[in-house]
Amino acid sequence: MATTIQVSNELINVLKNRKMYENETYEDAIWDLLEDSMELSEETKRDIAQAEKDIKEGRVYTHEEVKKRLGL
């Protein structure tokens, strides 16, 4: 269910400045702000744990190594 909310002109200006692109909705801008305070999903937590394990076990490449392998 959608609803209308009332916000101050000051908040509208802050939200306008937070938009990443011209046609982004205020709802998208608000979700982006809320995302940092939301709990990570179990899948994300597993992915982070796997990435940390990969780093510890040396299964990563630096940007320079990738560039060299690609011949850049």
PDB file of N, CA and C in Angstrom:
ATOM      1  N   MET A   1       0.842  -1.173   0.000  1.00  0.00           N
ATOM      2  CA  MET A   1       0.000   0.000   0.000  1.00  0.00           C
ATOM      3  C   MET A   1       0.891   1.242   0.000  1.00  0.00           C
ATOM      4  N   ALA A   2       0.702   2.101  -0.948  1.00  0.00           N
ATOM      5  CA  ALA A   2       1.438   3.357  -1.024  1.00  0.00           C
ATOM      6  C   ALA A   2       0.721   4.408  -0.195  1.00  0.00           C
ATOM      7  N   THR A   3       1.489   5.354   0.294  1.00  0.00           N
ATOM      8  CA  THR A   3       0.910   6.439   1.075  1.00  0.00           C
ATOM      9  C   THR A   3       1.663   7.718   0.757  1.00  0.00           C
ATOM     10  N   THR A   4       1.119   8.816   1.159  1.00  0.00           N
ATOM     11  CA  THR A   4       1.759  10.114   0.983  1.00  0.00           C
ATOM     12  C   THR A   4       2.282  10.568   2.330  1.00  0.00           C
ATOM     13  N   ILE A   5       3.485  11.130   2.327  1.00  0.00           N
ATOM     14  CA  ILE A   5       4.033  11.672   3.570  1.00  0.00           C
ATOM     15  C   ILE A   5       4.348  13.146   3.357  1.00  0.00           C
ATOM     16  N   GLN A   6       4.391  13.859   4.455  1.00  0.00           N
ATOM     17  CA  GLN A   6       4.670  15.280   4.392  1.00  0.00           C
ATOM     18  C   GLN A   6       6.066  15.507   4.978  1.00  0.00           C
ATOM     19  N   VAL A   7       6.920  16.191   4.214  1.00  0.00           N
ATOM     20  CA  VAL A   7       8.271  16.509   4.681  1.00  0.00           C
ATOM     21  C   VAL A   7       8.544  17.981   4.430  1.00  0.00           C
ATOM     22  N   SER A   8       9.503  18.501   5.152  1.00  0.00           N
ATOM     23  CA  SER A   8       9.850  19.921   5.020  1.00  0.00           C
ATOM     24  C   SER A   8      10.601  20.178   3.710  1.00  0.00           C
ATOM     25  N   ASN A   9      10.630  21.425   3.312  1.00  0.00           N
ATOM     26  CA  ASN A   9      11.394  21.816   2.127  1.00  0.00           C
ATOM     27  C   ASN A   9      12.875  21.521   2.320  1.00  0.00           C
ATOM     28  N   GLU A  10      13.342  21.674   3.550  1.00  0.00           N
ATOM     29  CA  GLU A  10      14.748  21.388   3.861  1.00  0.00           C
ATOM     30  C   GLU A  10      15.072  19.914   3.577  1.00  0.00           C
ATOM     31  N   LEU A  11      14.193  19.017   4.013  1.00  0.00           N
ATOM     32  CA  LEU A  11      14.417  17.591   3.774  1.00  0.00           C
ATOM     33  C   LEU A  11      14.334  17.265   2.287  1.00  0.00           C
ATOM     34  N   ILE A  12      13.404  17.885   1.579  1.00  0.00           N
ATOM     35  CA  ILE A  12      13.306  17.681   0.126  1.00  0.00           C
ATOM     36  C   ILE A  12      14.627  18.060  -0.535  1.00  0.00           C
ATOM     37  N   ASN A  13      15.211  19.176  -0.122  1.00  0.00           N
ATOM     38  CA  ASN A  13      16.485  19.608  -0.706  1.00  0.00           C
ATOM     39  C   ASN A  13      17.603  18.621  -0.389  1.00  0.00           C
ATOM     40  N   VAL A  14      17.620  18.081   0.822  1.00  0.00           N
ATOM     41  CA  VAL A  14      18.623  17.082   1.184  1.00  0.00           C
ATOM     42  C   VAL A  14      18.447  15.833   0.326  1.00  0.00           C
ATOM     43  N   LEU A  15      17.204  15.381   0.169  1.00  0.00           N
ATOM     44  CA  LEU A  15      16.936  14.201  -0.654  1.00  0.00           C
ATOM     45  C   LEU A  15      17.310  14.445  -2.118  1.00  0.00           C
ATOM     46  N   LYS A  16      17.037  15.633  -2.628  1.00  0.00           N
ATOM     47  CA  LYS A  16      17.422  15.969  -4.004  1.00  0.00           C
ATOM     48  C   LYS A  16      18.928  15.838  -4.180  1.00  0.00           C
ATOM     49  N   ASN A  17      19.682  16.313  -3.191  1.00  0.00           N
ATOM     50  CA  ASN A  17      21.141  16.253  -3.266  1.00  0.00           C
ATOM     51  C   ASN A  17      21.675  14.827  -3.116  1.00  0.00           C
ATOM     52  N   ARG A  18      20.905  13.956  -2.518  1.00  0.00           N
ATOM     53  CA  ARG A  18      21.316  12.563  -2.309  1.00  0.00           C
ATOM     54  C   ARG A  18      21.016  11.669  -3.513  1.00  0.00           C
ATOM     55  N   LYS A  19      20.193  12.159  -4.423  1.00  0.00           N
ATOM     56  CA  LYS A  19      19.856  11.355  -5.589  1.00  0.00           C
ATOM     57  C   LYS A  19      21.121  11.080  -6.401  1.00  0.00           C
ATOM     58  N   MET A  20      21.250   9.844  -6.879  1.00  0.00           N
ATOM     59  CA  MET A  20      22.422   9.474  -7.659  1.00  0.00           C
ATOM     60  C   MET A  20      22.237   9.820  -9.136  1.00  0.00           C
ATOM     61  N   TYR A  21      21.009   9.926  -9.586  1.00  0.00           N
ATOM     62  CA  TYR A  21      20.739  10.302 -10.966  1.00  0.00           C
ATOM     63  C   TYR A  21      19.438  11.086 -11.016  1.00  0.00           C
ATOM     64  N   GLU A  22      19.251  11.826 -12.065  1.00  0.00           N
ATOM     65  CA  GLU A  22      18.138  12.775 -12.184  1.00  0.00           C
ATOM     66  C   GLU A  22      16.763  12.154 -11.959  1.00  0.00           C
ATOM     67  N   ASN A  23      16.513  10.992 -12.541  1.00  0.00           N
ATOM     68  CA  ASN A  23      15.175  10.394 -12.478  1.00  0.00           C
ATOM     69  C   ASN A  23      14.970   9.472 -11.276  1.00  0.00           C
ATOM     70  N   GLU A  24      15.920   9.402 -10.379  1.00  0.00           N
ATOM     71  CA  GLU A  24      15.762   8.553  -9.188  1.00  0.00           C
ATOM     72  C   GLU A  24      14.616   9.091  -8.328  1.00  0.00           C
ATOM     73  N   THR A  25      13.819   8.194  -7.794  1.00  0.00           N
ATOM     74  CA  THR A  25      12.691   8.634  -6.968  1.00  0.00           C
ATOM     75  C   THR A  25      13.167   8.954  -5.553  1.00  0.00           C
ATOM     76  N   TYR A  26      12.337   9.699  -4.844  1.00  0.00           N
ATOM     77  CA  TYR A  26      12.655   9.974  -3.442  1.00  0.00           C
ATOM     78  C   TYR A  26      12.638   8.680  -2.636  1.00  0.00           C
ATOM     79  N   GLU A  27      11.760   7.759  -3.003  1.00  0.00           N
ATOM     80  CA  GLU A  27      11.732   6.473  -2.298  1.00  0.00           C
ATOM     81  C   GLU A  27      13.070   5.756  -2.446  1.00  0.00           C
ATOM     82  N   ASP A  28      13.622   5.743  -3.658  1.00  0.00           N
ATOM     83  CA  ASP A  28      14.924   5.113  -3.868  1.00  0.00           C
ATOM     84  C   ASP A  28      16.005   5.784  -3.024  1.00  0.00           C
ATOM     85  N   ALA A  29      15.982   7.106  -2.981  1.00  0.00           N
ATOM     86  CA  ALA A  29      16.972   7.843  -2.194  1.00  0.00           C
ATOM     87  C   ALA A  29      16.841   7.501  -0.705  1.00  0.00           C
ATOM     88  N   ILE A  30      15.626   7.380  -0.218  1.00  0.00           N
ATOM     89  CA  ILE A  30      15.402   7.029   1.190  1.00  0.00           C
ATOM     90  C   ILE A  30      15.872   5.602   1.462  1.00  0.00           C
ATOM     91  N   TRP A  31      15.560   4.655   0.559  1.00  0.00           N
ATOM     92  CA  TRP A  31      16.019   3.274   0.740  1.00  0.00           C
ATOM     93  C   TRP A  31      17.546   3.212   0.790  1.00  0.00           C
ATOM     94  N   ASP A  32      18.212   4.000  -0.069  1.00  0.00           N
ATOM     95  CA  ASP A  32      19.678   4.026  -0.053  1.00  0.00           C
ATOM     96  C   ASP A  32      20.199   4.493   1.301  1.00  0.00           C
ATOM     97  N   LEU A  33      19.541   5.481   1.881  1.00  0.00           N
ATOM     98  CA  LEU A  33      19.952   5.970   3.196  1.00  0.00           C
ATOM     99  C   LEU A  33      19.720   4.924   4.287  1.00  0.00           C
ATOM    100  N   LEU A  34      18.622   4.190   4.185  1.00  0.00           N
ATOM    101  CA  LEU A  34      18.282   3.182   5.196  1.00  0.00           C
ATOM    102  C   LEU A  34      19.141   1.928   5.085  1.00  0.00           C
ATOM    103  N   GLU A  35      19.635   1.656   3.900  1.00  0.00           N
ATOM    104  CA  GLU A  35      20.359   0.410   3.650  1.00  0.00           C
ATOM    105  C   GLU A  35      21.529   0.203   4.613  1.00  0.00           C
ATOM    106  N   ASP A  36      22.255   1.271   4.927  1.00  0.00           N
ATOM    107  CA  ASP A  36      23.411   1.140   5.810  1.00  0.00           C
ATOM    108  C   ASP A  36      23.049   0.691   7.221  1.00  0.00           C
ATOM    109  N   SER A  37      21.828   0.967   7.640  1.00  0.00           N
ATOM    110  CA  SER A  37      21.443   0.607   9.005  1.00  0.00           C
ATOM    111  C   SER A  37      20.675  -0.711   9.069  1.00  0.00           C
ATOM    112  N   MET A  38      20.469  -1.339   7.908  1.00  0.00           N
ATOM    113  CA  MET A  38      19.702  -2.581   7.882  1.00  0.00           C
ATOM    114  C   MET A  38      20.611  -3.780   8.124  1.00  0.00           C
ATOM    115  N   GLU A  39      20.064  -4.824   8.650  1.00  0.00           N
ATOM    116  CA  GLU A  39      20.789  -6.068   8.922  1.00  0.00           C
ATOM    117  C   GLU A  39      21.167  -6.734   7.600  1.00  0.00           C
ATOM    118  N   LEU A  40      22.384  -7.280   7.559  1.00  0.00           N
ATOM    119  CA  LEU A  40      22.823  -8.011   6.379  1.00  0.00           C
ATOM    120  C   LEU A  40      22.082  -9.347   6.284  1.00  0.00           C
ATOM    121  N   SER A  41      21.803  -9.780   5.068  1.00  0.00           N
ATOM    122  CA  SER A  41      21.140 -11.069   4.874  1.00  0.00           C
ATOM    123  C   SER A  41      22.123 -12.192   5.204  1.00  0.00           C
ATOM    124  N   GLU A  42      21.592 -13.360   5.461  1.00  0.00           N
ATOM    125  CA  GLU A  42      22.449 -14.515   5.749  1.00  0.00           C
ATOM    126  C   GLU A  42      23.355 -14.832   4.565  1.00  0.00           C
ATOM    127  N   GLU A  43      22.829 -14.689   3.345  1.00  0.00           N
ATOM    128  CA  GLU A  43      23.632 -14.941   2.151  1.00  0.00           C
ATOM    129  C   GLU A  43      24.814 -13.969   2.087  1.00  0.00           C
ATOM    130  N   THR A  44      24.571 -12.700   2.379  1.00  0.00           N
ATOM    131  CA  THR A  44      25.639 -11.700   2.361  1.00  0.00           C
ATOM    132  C   THR A  44      26.675 -12.011   3.431  1.00  0.00           C
ATOM    133  N   LYS A  45      26.221 -12.402   4.614  1.00  0.00           N
ATOM    134  CA  LYS A  45      27.156 -12.761   5.687  1.00  0.00           C
ATOM    135  C   LYS A  45      28.035 -13.939   5.268  1.00  0.00           C
ATOM    136  N   ARG A  46      27.446 -14.952   4.598  1.00  0.00           N
ATOM    137  CA  ARG A  46      28.223 -16.104   4.115  1.00  0.00           C
ATOM    138  C   ARG A  46      29.227 -15.669   3.053  1.00  0.00           C
ATOM    139  N   ASP A  47      28.793 -14.793   2.143  1.00  0.00           N
ATOM    140  CA  ASP A  47      29.683 -14.309   1.087  1.00  0.00           C
ATOM    141  C   ASP A  47      30.869 -13.545   1.670  1.00  0.00           C
ATOM    142  N   ILE A  48      30.629 -12.740   2.677  1.00  0.00           N
ATOM    143  CA  ILE A  48      31.699 -11.983   3.329  1.00  0.00           C
ATOM    144  C   ILE A  48      32.666 -12.941   4.012  1.00  0.00           C
ATOM    145  N   ALA A  49      32.134 -13.934   4.711  1.00  0.00           N
ATOM    146  CA  ALA A  49      32.989 -14.922   5.383  1.00  0.00           C
ATOM    147  C   ALA A  49      33.845 -15.674   4.365  1.00  0.00           C
ATOM    148  N   GLN A  50      33.253 -16.040   3.228  1.00  0.00           N
ATOM    149  CA  GLN A  50      34.004 -16.742   2.178  1.00  0.00           C
ATOM    150  C   GLN A  50      35.090 -15.840   1.600  1.00  0.00           C
ATOM    151  N   ALA A  51      34.783 -14.581   1.380  1.00  0.00           N
ATOM    152  CA  ALA A  51      35.765 -13.632   0.855  1.00  0.00           C
ATOM    153  C   ALA A  51      36.924 -13.456   1.829  1.00  0.00           C
ATOM    154  N   GLU A  52      36.617 -13.366   3.123  1.00  0.00           N
ATOM    155  CA  GLU A  52      37.683 -13.243   4.129  1.00  0.00           C
ATOM    156  C   GLU A  52      38.564 -14.481   4.126  1.00  0.00           C
ATOM    157  N   LYS A  53      37.972 -15.655   3.982  1.00  0.00           N
ATOM    158  CA  LYS A  53      38.729 -16.907   3.924  1.00  0.00           C
ATOM    159  C   LYS A  53      39.621 -16.927   2.681  1.00  0.00           C
ATOM    160  N   ASP A  54      39.078 -16.516   1.542  1.00  0.00           N
ATOM    161  CA  ASP A  54      39.858 -16.456   0.309  1.00  0.00           C
ATOM    162  C   ASP A  54      41.071 -15.537   0.461  1.00  0.00           C
ATOM    163  N   ILE A  55      40.868 -14.404   1.104  1.00  0.00           N
ATOM    164  CA  ILE A  55      41.972 -13.465   1.319  1.00  0.00           C
ATOM    165  C   ILE A  55      43.038 -14.096   2.199  1.00  0.00           C
ATOM    166  N   LYS A  56      42.634 -14.693   3.308  1.00  0.00           N
ATOM    167  CA  LYS A  56      43.587 -15.319   4.227  1.00  0.00           C
ATOM    168  C   LYS A  56      44.370 -16.442   3.555  1.00  0.00           C
ATOM    169  N   GLU A  57      43.730 -17.170   2.627  1.00  0.00           N
ATOM    170  CA  GLU A  57      44.365 -18.310   1.974  1.00  0.00           C
ATOM    171  C   GLU A  57      45.023 -17.931   0.645  1.00  0.00           C
ATOM    172  N   GLY A  58      45.094 -16.640   0.358  1.00  0.00           N
ATOM    173  CA  GLY A  58      45.818 -16.164  -0.813  1.00  0.00           C
ATOM    174  C   GLY A  58      45.126 -16.370  -2.145  1.00  0.00           C
ATOM    175  N   ARG A  59      43.840 -16.556  -2.153  1.00  0.00           N
ATOM    176  CA  ARG A  59      43.113 -16.761  -3.403  1.00  0.00           C
ATOM    177  C   ARG A  59      42.558 -15.439  -3.947  1.00  0.00           C
ATOM    178  N   VAL A  60      43.414 -14.441  -3.976  1.00  0.00           N
ATOM    179  CA  VAL A  60      43.027 -13.132  -4.498  1.00  0.00           C
ATOM    180  C   VAL A  60      44.152 -12.591  -5.376  1.00  0.00           C
ATOM    181  N   TYR A  61      43.839 -11.630  -6.217  1.00  0.00           N
ATOM    182  CA  TYR A  61      44.816 -10.972  -7.063  1.00  0.00           C
ATOM    183  C   TYR A  61      44.709  -9.469  -6.859  1.00  0.00           C
ATOM    184  N   THR A  62      45.852  -8.788  -6.874  1.00  0.00           N
ATOM    185  CA  THR A  62      45.840  -7.331  -6.795  1.00  0.00           C
ATOM    186  C   THR A  62      45.429  -6.776  -8.152  1.00  0.00           C
ATOM    187  N   HIS A  63      45.092  -5.503  -8.192  1.00  0.00           N
ATOM    188  CA  HIS A  63      44.750  -4.871  -9.461  1.00  0.00           C
ATOM    189  C   HIS A  63      45.926  -4.962 -10.432  1.00  0.00           C
ATOM    190  N   GLU A  64      47.129  -4.769  -9.913  1.00  0.00           N
ATOM    191  CA  GLU A  64      48.319  -4.841 -10.763  1.00  0.00           C
ATOM    192  C   GLU A  64      48.492  -6.235 -11.353  1.00  0.00           C
ATOM    193  N   GLU A  65      48.235  -7.277 -10.564  1.00  0.00           N
ATOM    194  CA  GLU A  65      48.343  -8.644 -11.082  1.00  0.00           C
ATOM    195  C   GLU A  65      47.308  -8.904 -12.171  1.00  0.00           C
ATOM    196  N   VAL A  66      46.109  -8.412 -11.983  1.00  0.00           N
ATOM    197  CA  VAL A  66      45.059  -8.586 -12.984  1.00  0.00           C
ATOM    198  C   VAL A  66      45.437  -7.857 -14.266  1.00  0.00           C
ATOM    199  N   LYS A  67      45.921  -6.632 -14.142  1.00  0.00           N
ATOM    200  CA  LYS A  67      46.334  -5.860 -15.318  1.00  0.00           C
ATOM    201  C   LYS A  67      47.434  -6.596 -16.075  1.00  0.00           C
ATOM    202  N   LYS A  68      48.409  -7.127 -15.336  1.00  0.00           N
ATOM    203  CA  LYS A  68      49.513  -7.844 -15.970  1.00  0.00           C
ATOM    204  C   LYS A  68      48.993  -9.079 -16.704  1.00  0.00           C
ATOM    205  N   ARG A  69      48.104  -9.829 -16.082  1.00  0.00           N
ATOM    206  CA  ARG A  69      47.543 -11.038 -16.711  1.00  0.00           C
ATOM    207  C   ARG A  69      46.737 -10.696 -17.968  1.00  0.00           C
ATOM    208  N   LEU A  70      46.092  -9.548 -17.953  1.00  0.00           N
ATOM    209  CA  LEU A  70      45.294  -9.121 -19.103  1.00  0.00           C
ATOM    210  C   LEU A  70      46.125  -8.373 -20.154  1.00  0.00           C
ATOM    211  N   GLY A  71      47.384  -8.131 -19.822  1.00  0.00           N
ATOM    212  CA  GLY A  71      48.258  -7.432 -20.761  1.00  0.00           C
ATOM    213  C   GLY A  71      47.962  -5.955 -20.884  1.00  0.00           C
ATOM    214  N   LEU A  72      47.489  -5.369 -19.831  1.00  0.00           N
ATOM    215  CA  LEU A  72      47.163  -3.933 -19.855  1.00  0.00           C
ATOM    216  C   LEU A  72      48.306  -3.076 -19.374  1.00  0.00           C
TER     217      LEU A  72
END
